[in-house]
Structures are given as structure tokens and as C-alpha cells.
Amino acid sequence: MNRICRTDTAAMVGSIFHSRYCRIAIGSVAAKPWRAKSAEALLKGMRPEPAFFEKAATEAFAEASPSGDNAHKIELGRRIVARALTLAS
């Protein structure tokens, strides 16, 4: 079964799980939305488990850099991605 999970806070994440791939799109955290392709690669072929979701969420924001006083949004984004993946699985 395919599920789409969306949440609006500091980030919006759409995750679609299929048997062979996962797509992660992140918006509202930068000037334009982006796909977390490196995080998707980590999840490819893996069973949907929370431990993998945490690693993928960390990878999704690995190259994120804060601007001004918004460093807390990186951690918030990580948590939202992990939660969205959990809900989508």
C-alpha cells in the first residue's frame, strides 16, 4: 500500500514508500524545495524501521547550514523527516 504523509511546521515532507524506493522532498526550510537524494539512497531496499529513518533524516540535513538565528530549524527538520517517514511506513 502506498501512503503519503505531509506535515506543516518548519518543514513539509512528502514521503512515498514502495517496495524498492522512497522519495523525500523537503520544503519551507530553504529558498526552494529540494529532494534529499542521499537520504533516499540510504533507505533504498531497506525495511521501514525507525533506526533507518533517523539515519536518513540526519543525512537529509547533513549539508544544511543555518543563517542567522535559525540553527534550531535544522534539528527540527531532522525530527520532522524522521516522523514523516515513520508515519508513511
N, C-alpha and C. Protein backbone atom coordinates (compact mmCIF):
# COMPACT_ATOMS: atom_id res chain seq x y z
N MET A 1 0.84 -1.16 0.00
CA MET A 1 0.00 0.00 0.00
C MET A 1 0.90 1.24 0.00
N ASN A 2 0.55 2.22 -0.78
CA ASN A 2 1.29 3.48 -0.81
C ASN A 2 0.63 4.48 0.13
N ARG A 3 1.45 5.19 0.84
CA ARG A 3 0.92 6.22 1.75
C ARG A 3 1.67 7.51 1.50
N ILE A 4 0.98 8.58 1.62
CA ILE A 4 1.61 9.90 1.53
C ILE A 4 1.40 10.57 2.87
N CYS A 5 2.47 11.07 3.43
CA CYS A 5 2.41 11.74 4.72
C CYS A 5 2.89 13.17 4.53
N ARG A 6 2.13 14.12 4.97
CA ARG A 6 2.55 15.52 4.88
C ARG A 6 2.33 16.18 6.23
N THR A 7 3.24 16.99 6.59
CA THR A 7 3.12 17.74 7.84
C THR A 7 3.63 19.15 7.60
N ASP A 8 2.98 20.12 8.17
CA ASP A 8 3.39 21.51 8.02
C ASP A 8 3.82 22.05 9.37
N THR A 9 5.07 22.38 9.48
CA THR A 9 5.61 23.06 10.65
C THR A 9 6.72 23.92 10.09
N ALA A 10 7.94 23.66 10.49
CA ALA A 10 9.07 24.36 9.90
C ALA A 10 9.46 23.71 8.58
N ALA A 11 8.94 22.54 8.32
CA ALA A 11 9.26 21.83 7.08
C ALA A 11 8.04 21.07 6.61
N MET A 12 8.01 20.79 5.35
CA MET A 12 6.96 19.95 4.80
C MET A 12 7.66 18.79 4.11
N VAL A 13 7.29 17.60 4.45
CA VAL A 13 7.95 16.42 3.90
C VAL A 13 6.89 15.55 3.26
N GLY A 14 7.16 15.11 2.05
CA GLY A 14 6.29 14.14 1.40
C GLY A 14 7.09 12.87 1.22
N SER A 15 6.61 11.80 1.71
CA SER A 15 7.33 10.52 1.62
C SER A 15 6.41 9.48 1.03
N ILE A 16 6.90 8.76 0.05
CA ILE A 16 6.12 7.70 -0.55
C ILE A 16 6.96 6.44 -0.49
N PHE A 17 6.47 5.42 0.22
CA PHE A 17 7.19 4.16 0.31
C PHE A 17 6.65 3.18 -0.71
N HIS A 18 7.54 2.59 -1.43
CA HIS A 18 7.24 1.49 -2.33
C HIS A 18 8.18 0.36 -1.91
N SER A 19 8.08 -0.75 -2.54
CA SER A 19 8.92 -1.87 -2.14
C SER A 19 10.39 -1.62 -2.45
N ARG A 20 10.69 -0.76 -3.41
CA ARG A 20 12.08 -0.58 -3.80
C ARG A 20 12.62 0.82 -3.65
N TYR A 21 11.80 1.80 -3.40
CA TYR A 21 12.35 3.14 -3.30
C TYR A 21 11.50 4.05 -2.40
N CYS A 22 12.11 5.11 -2.00
CA CYS A 22 11.47 6.12 -1.17
C CYS A 22 11.87 7.47 -1.72
N ARG A 23 10.97 8.42 -1.76
CA ARG A 23 11.27 9.77 -2.20
C ARG A 23 11.03 10.72 -1.03
N ILE A 24 11.98 11.61 -0.80
CA ILE A 24 11.86 12.59 0.28
C ILE A 24 12.03 13.97 -0.33
N ALA A 25 11.00 14.78 -0.23
CA ALA A 25 11.06 16.16 -0.71
C ALA A 25 10.87 17.07 0.50
N ILE A 26 11.74 18.05 0.63
CA ILE A 26 11.70 18.95 1.79
C ILE A 26 11.48 20.37 1.30
N GLY A 27 10.49 21.03 1.87
CA GLY A 27 10.19 22.40 1.50
C GLY A 27 10.01 23.26 2.74
N SER A 28 9.91 24.54 2.54
CA SER A 28 9.68 25.52 3.62
C SER A 28 10.84 25.62 4.60
N VAL A 29 12.01 25.14 4.22
CA VAL A 29 13.18 25.27 5.08
C VAL A 29 14.32 26.01 4.37
N ALA A 30 14.12 26.31 3.11
CA ALA A 30 15.15 27.00 2.33
C ALA A 30 14.45 27.85 1.27
N ALA A 31 15.24 28.47 0.43
CA ALA A 31 14.68 29.32 -0.61
C ALA A 31 13.83 28.54 -1.60
N LYS A 32 14.18 27.29 -1.82
CA LYS A 32 13.38 26.45 -2.71
C LYS A 32 13.38 25.02 -2.18
N PRO A 33 12.34 24.25 -2.50
CA PRO A 33 12.27 22.86 -2.04
C PRO A 33 13.39 22.03 -2.66
N TRP A 34 13.78 20.98 -1.96
CA TRP A 34 14.78 20.09 -2.52
C TRP A 34 14.47 18.66 -2.16
N ARG A 35 15.01 17.76 -2.99
CA ARG A 35 14.91 16.34 -2.69
C ARG A 35 16.14 15.91 -1.93
N ALA A 36 15.96 15.09 -0.95
CA ALA A 36 17.06 14.56 -0.15
C ALA A 36 17.50 13.24 -0.76
N LYS A 37 18.20 13.32 -1.89
CA LYS A 37 18.58 12.13 -2.63
C LYS A 37 19.54 11.22 -1.87
N SER A 38 20.43 11.81 -1.09
CA SER A 38 21.36 10.97 -0.33
C SER A 38 20.61 10.20 0.76
N ALA A 39 19.60 10.82 1.35
CA ALA A 39 18.78 10.13 2.35
C ALA A 39 17.94 9.04 1.70
N GLU A 40 17.44 9.33 0.50
CA GLU A 40 16.67 8.32 -0.24
C GLU A 40 17.55 7.10 -0.54
N ALA A 41 18.80 7.36 -0.90
CA ALA A 41 19.72 6.26 -1.21
C ALA A 41 19.97 5.37 0.01
N LEU A 42 20.03 5.98 1.18
CA LEU A 42 20.21 5.18 2.41
C LEU A 42 19.05 4.22 2.64
N LEU A 43 17.86 4.65 2.28
CA LEU A 43 16.67 3.85 2.55
C LEU A 43 16.35 2.85 1.45
N LYS A 44 17.01 2.96 0.31
CA LYS A 44 16.71 2.09 -0.83
C LYS A 44 16.91 0.63 -0.44
N GLY A 45 15.87 -0.14 -0.62
CA GLY A 45 15.93 -1.57 -0.34
C GLY A 45 15.85 -1.94 1.13
N MET A 46 15.79 -0.97 2.02
CA MET A 46 15.73 -1.25 3.45
C MET A 46 14.30 -1.47 3.90
N ARG A 47 14.15 -2.24 4.96
CA ARG A 47 12.85 -2.39 5.59
C ARG A 47 12.54 -1.10 6.33
N PRO A 48 11.30 -0.65 6.30
CA PRO A 48 10.95 0.60 7.00
C PRO A 48 11.02 0.43 8.52
N GLU A 49 12.13 0.89 9.11
CA GLU A 49 12.34 0.80 10.55
C GLU A 49 12.80 2.16 11.08
N PRO A 50 12.39 2.53 12.29
CA PRO A 50 12.74 3.82 12.86
C PRO A 50 14.24 4.13 12.90
N ALA A 51 15.07 3.14 13.13
CA ALA A 51 16.52 3.38 13.18
C ALA A 51 17.03 3.88 11.83
N PHE A 52 16.53 3.32 10.76
CA PHE A 52 16.92 3.78 9.43
C PHE A 52 16.36 5.17 9.14
N PHE A 53 15.16 5.45 9.64
CA PHE A 53 14.56 6.77 9.42
C PHE A 53 15.39 7.86 10.08
N GLU A 54 15.91 7.57 11.27
CA GLU A 54 16.76 8.55 11.97
C GLU A 54 18.03 8.82 11.17
N LYS A 55 18.64 7.77 10.65
CA LYS A 55 19.86 7.95 9.84
C LYS A 55 19.57 8.74 8.57
N ALA A 56 18.45 8.42 7.93
CA ALA A 56 18.08 9.14 6.71
C ALA A 56 17.78 10.61 7.00
N ALA A 57 17.12 10.88 8.10
CA ALA A 57 16.82 12.26 8.47
C ALA A 57 18.09 13.05 8.74
N THR A 58 19.05 12.43 9.40
CA THR A 58 20.34 13.08 9.64
C THR A 58 21.04 13.36 8.32
N GLU A 59 21.01 12.40 7.43
CA GLU A 59 21.63 12.56 6.11
C GLU A 59 20.94 13.65 5.30
N ALA A 60 19.62 13.76 5.43
CA ALA A 60 18.86 14.76 4.67
C ALA A 60 19.32 16.18 5.01
N PHE A 61 19.77 16.39 6.23
CA PHE A 61 20.19 17.73 6.65
C PHE A 61 21.70 17.82 6.88
N ALA A 62 22.45 16.87 6.36
CA ALA A 62 23.91 16.84 6.57
C ALA A 62 24.60 18.09 6.04
N GLU A 63 24.13 18.62 4.94
CA GLU A 63 24.78 19.79 4.34
C GLU A 63 24.05 21.09 4.66
N ALA A 64 23.07 21.03 5.54
CA ALA A 64 22.33 22.24 5.91
C ALA A 64 23.20 23.15 6.75
N SER A 65 23.09 24.44 6.50
CA SER A 65 23.83 25.40 7.31
C SER A 65 22.87 26.51 7.72
N PRO A 66 22.89 26.86 8.99
CA PRO A 66 21.97 27.88 9.48
C PRO A 66 22.35 29.27 8.97
N SER A 67 21.35 30.12 8.89
CA SER A 67 21.60 31.52 8.56
C SER A 67 20.92 32.36 9.63
N GLY A 68 21.70 33.10 10.35
CA GLY A 68 21.13 33.90 11.44
C GLY A 68 20.84 33.05 12.65
N ASP A 69 19.68 33.29 13.23
CA ASP A 69 19.29 32.60 14.46
C ASP A 69 18.36 31.41 14.22
N ASN A 70 18.55 30.72 13.11
CA ASN A 70 17.62 29.63 12.83
C ASN A 70 18.27 28.24 12.88
N ALA A 71 19.34 28.09 13.61
CA ALA A 71 20.03 26.80 13.72
C ALA A 71 19.11 25.71 14.28
N HIS A 72 18.17 26.10 15.12
CA HIS A 72 17.25 25.13 15.70
C HIS A 72 16.37 24.45 14.64
N LYS A 73 16.20 25.11 13.50
CA LYS A 73 15.34 24.54 12.46
C LYS A 73 15.97 23.31 11.80
N ILE A 74 17.27 23.19 11.86
CA ILE A 74 17.92 22.01 11.29
C ILE A 74 17.54 20.77 12.10
N GLU A 75 17.63 20.87 13.41
CA GLU A 75 17.23 19.75 14.26
C GLU A 75 15.73 19.49 14.14
N LEU A 76 14.94 20.55 14.08
CA LEU A 76 13.50 20.40 13.91
C LEU A 76 13.20 19.69 12.59
N GLY A 77 13.90 20.07 11.54
CA GLY A 77 13.73 19.42 10.23
C GLY A 77 14.06 17.94 10.29
N ARG A 78 15.15 17.61 10.97
CA ARG A 78 15.52 16.19 11.12
C ARG A 78 14.41 15.40 11.80
N ARG A 79 13.88 15.96 12.85
CA ARG A 79 12.82 15.27 13.59
C ARG A 79 11.56 15.11 12.75
N ILE A 80 11.24 16.13 11.97
CA ILE A 80 10.03 16.08 11.14
C ILE A 80 10.19 15.04 10.03
N VAL A 81 11.37 14.99 9.43
CA VAL A 81 11.62 13.99 8.38
C VAL A 81 11.49 12.58 8.96
N ALA A 82 12.11 12.34 10.10
CA ALA A 82 12.03 11.00 10.72
C ALA A 82 10.59 10.64 11.06
N ARG A 83 9.85 11.59 11.57
CA ARG A 83 8.45 11.33 11.93
C ARG A 83 7.60 11.08 10.69
N ALA A 84 7.80 11.88 9.66
CA ALA A 84 7.04 11.69 8.43
C ALA A 84 7.31 10.33 7.80
N LEU A 85 8.57 9.91 7.84
CA LEU A 85 8.91 8.58 7.31
C LEU A 85 8.25 7.48 8.13
N THR A 86 8.22 7.66 9.43
CA THR A 86 7.58 6.69 10.31
C THR A 86 6.09 6.60 9.99
N LEU A 87 5.45 7.75 9.85
CA LEU A 87 4.02 7.77 9.55
C LEU A 87 3.72 7.21 8.17
N ALA A 88 4.62 7.44 7.22
CA ALA A 88 4.39 6.97 5.85
C ALA A 88 4.60 5.46 5.72
N SER A 89 5.35 4.90 6.65
CA SER A 89 5.59 3.45 6.55
C SER A 89 4.42 2.74 7.13
